[in-house]
Amino acid sequence: QVQLVESGGGLVQPGGSLRLSCAASRSIFSIYTMGWYRQAPGKQRDLVATITSGGNTDYADSVRGRFTISRDNAKNTVYLQMNSLKPEDTAVYYCNSNPPLPTLTWGQGTQVTVSS
């Protein structure tokens, strides 16, 4: 099993920025396409950004142009740079492979709250 630990969330004003990190427990992480997901209260968990093992990225329309996903395979870590944050970005953010695989254990997530 690969354990995932998300960090970097917090409270930020609209228009602000945050950088999330997701650390994996094993180097096998580097072969996976990884994704950042988010889940707002009462809603399903949605995929917002993906990055392949080769570094190709894709984004949900709602975050394209504002969020940037990246990875450092040497550190077994994937990042999500979030700029121009909006209240509707408020959610718990998780990382996992895309699609999620049973070999990667969902972490606790990191709470992002965008509010004035």
C-alpha atoms as a PDB file:
ATOM      1  CA  GLN A   1       0.000   0.000   0.000  1.00  0.00           C
ATOM      2  CA  VAL A   2       1.047   3.576  -0.702  1.00  0.00           C
ATOM      3  CA  GLN A   3       0.059   6.072   1.973  1.00  0.00           C
ATOM      4  CA  LEU A   4      -0.799   9.623   0.935  1.00  0.00           C
ATOM      5  CA  VAL A   5      -0.556  12.669   3.199  1.00  0.00           C
ATOM      6  CA  GLU A   6      -1.943  16.022   2.089  1.00  0.00           C
ATOM      7  CA  SER A   7      -0.932  19.363   3.605  1.00  0.00           C
ATOM      8  CA  GLY A   8      -0.903  23.088   2.956  1.00  0.00           C
ATOM      9  CA  GLY A   9      -4.558  24.001   3.300  1.00  0.00           C
ATOM     10  CA  GLY A  10      -5.918  26.866   5.334  1.00  0.00           C
ATOM     11  CA  LEU A  11      -8.104  29.937   5.413  1.00  0.00           C
ATOM     12  CA  VAL A  12      -7.491  32.481   2.661  1.00  0.00           C
ATOM     13  CA  GLN A  13      -9.321  35.524   1.358  1.00  0.00           C
ATOM     14  CA  PRO A  14     -10.843  35.566  -2.106  1.00  0.00           C
ATOM     15  CA  GLY A  15      -8.137  36.265  -4.651  1.00  0.00           C
ATOM     16  CA  GLY A  16      -5.473  34.705  -2.468  1.00  0.00           C
ATOM     17  CA  SER A  17      -3.180  31.745  -3.080  1.00  0.00           C
ATOM     18  CA  LEU A  18      -2.279  28.458  -1.454  1.00  0.00           C
ATOM     19  CA  ARG A  19       0.101  25.653  -2.332  1.00  0.00           C
ATOM     20  CA  LEU A  20      -0.949  22.133  -1.435  1.00  0.00           C
ATOM     21  CA  SER A  21       1.421  19.186  -1.122  1.00  0.00           C
ATOM     22  CA  CYS A  22       0.793  15.464  -1.223  1.00  0.00           C
ATOM     23  CA  ALA A  23       3.536  13.155  -0.036  1.00  0.00           C
ATOM     24  CA  ALA A  24       3.529   9.462  -0.906  1.00  0.00           C
ATOM     25  CA  SER A  25       5.161   6.822   1.238  1.00  0.00           C
ATOM     26  CA  ARG A  26       6.785   4.845  -1.550  1.00  0.00           C
ATOM     27  CA  SER A  27       8.816   5.612  -4.644  1.00  0.00           C
ATOM     28  CA  ILE A  28       6.432   3.551  -6.795  1.00  0.00           C
ATOM     29  CA  PHE A  29       4.353   6.718  -6.771  1.00  0.00           C
ATOM     30  CA  SER A  30       6.340   7.952  -9.791  1.00  0.00           C
ATOM     31  CA  ILE A  31       4.679   5.544 -12.237  1.00  0.00           C
ATOM     32  CA  TYR A  32       1.165   6.749 -11.554  1.00  0.00           C
ATOM     33  CA  THR A  33      -0.885   9.465 -13.142  1.00  0.00           C
ATOM     34  CA  MET A  34      -1.762  11.533 -10.081  1.00  0.00           C
ATOM     35  CA  GLY A  35      -4.705  13.765  -9.450  1.00  0.00           C
ATOM     36  CA  TRP A  36      -5.996  16.328  -7.015  1.00  0.00           C
ATOM     37  CA  TYR A  37      -9.604  15.895  -5.979  1.00  0.00           C
ATOM     38  CA  ARG A  38     -11.867  18.046  -3.855  1.00  0.00           C
ATOM     39  CA  GLN A  39     -15.051  17.499  -1.935  1.00  0.00           C
ATOM     40  CA  ALA A  40     -17.275  20.295  -0.720  1.00  0.00           C
ATOM     41  CA  PRO A  41     -19.825  19.676   2.050  1.00  0.00           C
ATOM     42  CA  GLY A  42     -22.779  17.688   0.764  1.00  0.00           C
ATOM     43  CA  LYS A  43     -21.216  17.156  -2.663  1.00  0.00           C
ATOM     44  CA  GLN A  44     -19.386  14.348  -4.398  1.00  0.00           C
ATOM     45  CA  ARG A  45     -15.615  14.203  -4.682  1.00  0.00           C
ATOM     46  CA  ASP A  46     -14.525  15.767  -7.973  1.00  0.00           C
ATOM     47  CA  LEU A  47     -11.274  15.564  -9.893  1.00  0.00           C
ATOM     48  CA  VAL A  48      -9.768  19.019 -10.477  1.00  0.00           C
ATOM     49  CA  ALA A  49      -6.292  18.387 -11.882  1.00  0.00           C
ATOM     50  CA  THR A  50      -4.150  15.532 -13.174  1.00  0.00           C
ATOM     51  CA  ILE A  51      -0.506  15.007 -14.064  1.00  0.00           C
ATOM     52  CA  THR A  52       0.966  12.011 -15.847  1.00  0.00           C
ATOM     53  CA  SER A  53       4.258  10.367 -14.969  1.00  0.00           C
ATOM     54  CA  GLY A  54       5.746  12.320 -17.859  1.00  0.00           C
ATOM     55  CA  GLY A  55       4.410  15.648 -16.659  1.00  0.00           C
ATOM     56  CA  ASN A  56       1.423  16.197 -18.923  1.00  0.00           C
ATOM     57  CA  THR A  57      -1.337  18.070 -17.121  1.00  0.00           C
ATOM     58  CA  ASP A  58      -5.073  18.561 -17.417  1.00  0.00           C
ATOM     59  CA  TYR A  59      -7.593  20.588 -15.440  1.00  0.00           C
ATOM     60  CA  ALA A  60     -11.272  20.871 -14.753  1.00  0.00           C
ATOM     61  CA  ASP A  61     -12.806  23.874 -16.477  1.00  0.00           C
ATOM     62  CA  SER A  62     -13.589  25.431 -13.102  1.00  0.00           C
ATOM     63  CA  VAL A  63      -9.897  25.739 -12.162  1.00  0.00           C
ATOM     64  CA  ARG A  64      -8.102  25.962 -15.515  1.00  0.00           C
ATOM     65  CA  GLY A  65      -5.902  29.043 -15.639  1.00  0.00           C
ATOM     66  CA  ARG A  66      -5.900  29.422 -11.843  1.00  0.00           C
ATOM     67  CA  PHE A  67      -4.503  26.107 -10.556  1.00  0.00           C
ATOM     68  CA  THR A  68      -1.218  24.420 -11.501  1.00  0.00           C
ATOM     69  CA  ILE A  69      -0.387  20.805 -10.712  1.00  0.00           C
ATOM     70  CA  SER A  70       3.212  19.621 -10.584  1.00  0.00           C
ATOM     71  CA  ARG A  71       5.196  16.714  -9.229  1.00  0.00           C
ATOM     72  CA  ASP A  72       8.653  15.903  -7.904  1.00  0.00           C
ATOM     73  CA  ASN A  73       9.152  12.171  -8.347  1.00  0.00           C
ATOM     74  CA  ALA A  74      12.458  12.255  -6.447  1.00  0.00           C
ATOM     75  CA  LYS A  75      10.519  13.484  -3.412  1.00  0.00           C
ATOM     76  CA  ASN A  76       7.432  11.341  -4.056  1.00  0.00           C
ATOM     77  CA  THR A  77       5.380  14.525  -3.889  1.00  0.00           C
ATOM     78  CA  VAL A  78       2.696  16.160  -6.006  1.00  0.00           C
ATOM     79  CA  TYR A  79       1.742  19.813  -5.614  1.00  0.00           C
ATOM     80  CA  LEU A  80      -1.229  22.020  -6.398  1.00  0.00           C
ATOM     81  CA  GLN A  81      -0.584  25.745  -6.711  1.00  0.00           C
ATOM     82  CA  MET A  82      -3.896  27.543  -6.352  1.00  0.00           C
ATOM     83  CA  ASN A  83      -4.156  31.203  -7.345  1.00  0.00           C
ATOM     84  CA  SER A  84      -7.069  33.635  -7.614  1.00  0.00           C
ATOM     85  CA  LEU A  85      -9.029  31.537  -5.155  1.00  0.00           C
ATOM     86  CA  LYS A  86     -12.806  31.867  -5.025  1.00  0.00           C
ATOM     87  CA  PRO A  87     -15.303  30.968  -2.291  1.00  0.00           C
ATOM     88  CA  GLU A  88     -16.511  28.098  -4.466  1.00  0.00           C
ATOM     89  CA  ASP A  89     -13.045  26.539  -4.185  1.00  0.00           C
ATOM     90  CA  THR A  90     -13.778  25.834  -0.529  1.00  0.00           C
ATOM     91  CA  ALA A  91     -13.497  22.080   0.009  1.00  0.00           C
ATOM     92  CA  VAL A  92     -11.366  19.300   1.427  1.00  0.00           C
ATOM     93  CA  TYR A  93      -8.629  18.542  -1.085  1.00  0.00           C
ATOM     94  CA  TYR A  94      -7.234  15.044  -1.604  1.00  0.00           C
ATOM     95  CA  CYS A  95      -4.689  13.472  -3.901  1.00  0.00           C
ATOM     96  CA  ASN A  96      -4.737  10.019  -5.395  1.00  0.00           C
ATOM     97  CA  SER A  97      -3.980   8.340  -8.659  1.00  0.00           C
ATOM     98  CA  ASN A  98      -6.258   8.888 -11.643  1.00  0.00           C
ATOM     99  CA  PRO A  99      -8.245   6.755 -11.636  1.00  0.00           C
ATOM    100  CA  PRO A 100      -8.008   5.956  -7.929  1.00  0.00           C
ATOM    101  CA  LEU A 101      -6.374   2.581  -7.315  1.00  0.00           C
ATOM    102  CA  PRO A 102      -6.707   0.251  -4.315  1.00  0.00           C
ATOM    103  CA  THR A 103      -2.923   0.309  -3.878  1.00  0.00           C
ATOM    104  CA  LEU A 104      -3.057   3.996  -2.925  1.00  0.00           C
ATOM    105  CA  THR A 105      -4.763   4.749   0.368  1.00  0.00           C
ATOM    106  CA  TRP A 106      -6.792   7.959   0.546  1.00  0.00           C
ATOM    107  CA  GLY A 107      -5.358  10.423   3.037  1.00  0.00           C
ATOM    108  CA  GLN A 108      -7.234  12.677   5.436  1.00  0.00           C
ATOM    109  CA  GLY A 109      -7.198  15.532   2.977  1.00  0.00           C
ATOM    110  CA  THR A 110      -6.464  19.165   3.657  1.00  0.00           C
ATOM    111  CA  GLN A 111      -9.153  21.781   4.238  1.00  0.00           C
ATOM    112  CA  VAL A 112      -9.173  24.863   2.022  1.00  0.00           C
ATOM    113  CA  THR A 113     -11.526  27.652   3.044  1.00  0.00           C
ATOM    114  CA  VAL A 114     -11.870  30.774   0.912  1.00  0.00           C
ATOM    115  CA  SER A 115     -13.699  33.486   2.772  1.00  0.00           C
ATOM    116  CA  SER A 116     -13.450  37.160   3.623  1.00  0.00           C
END
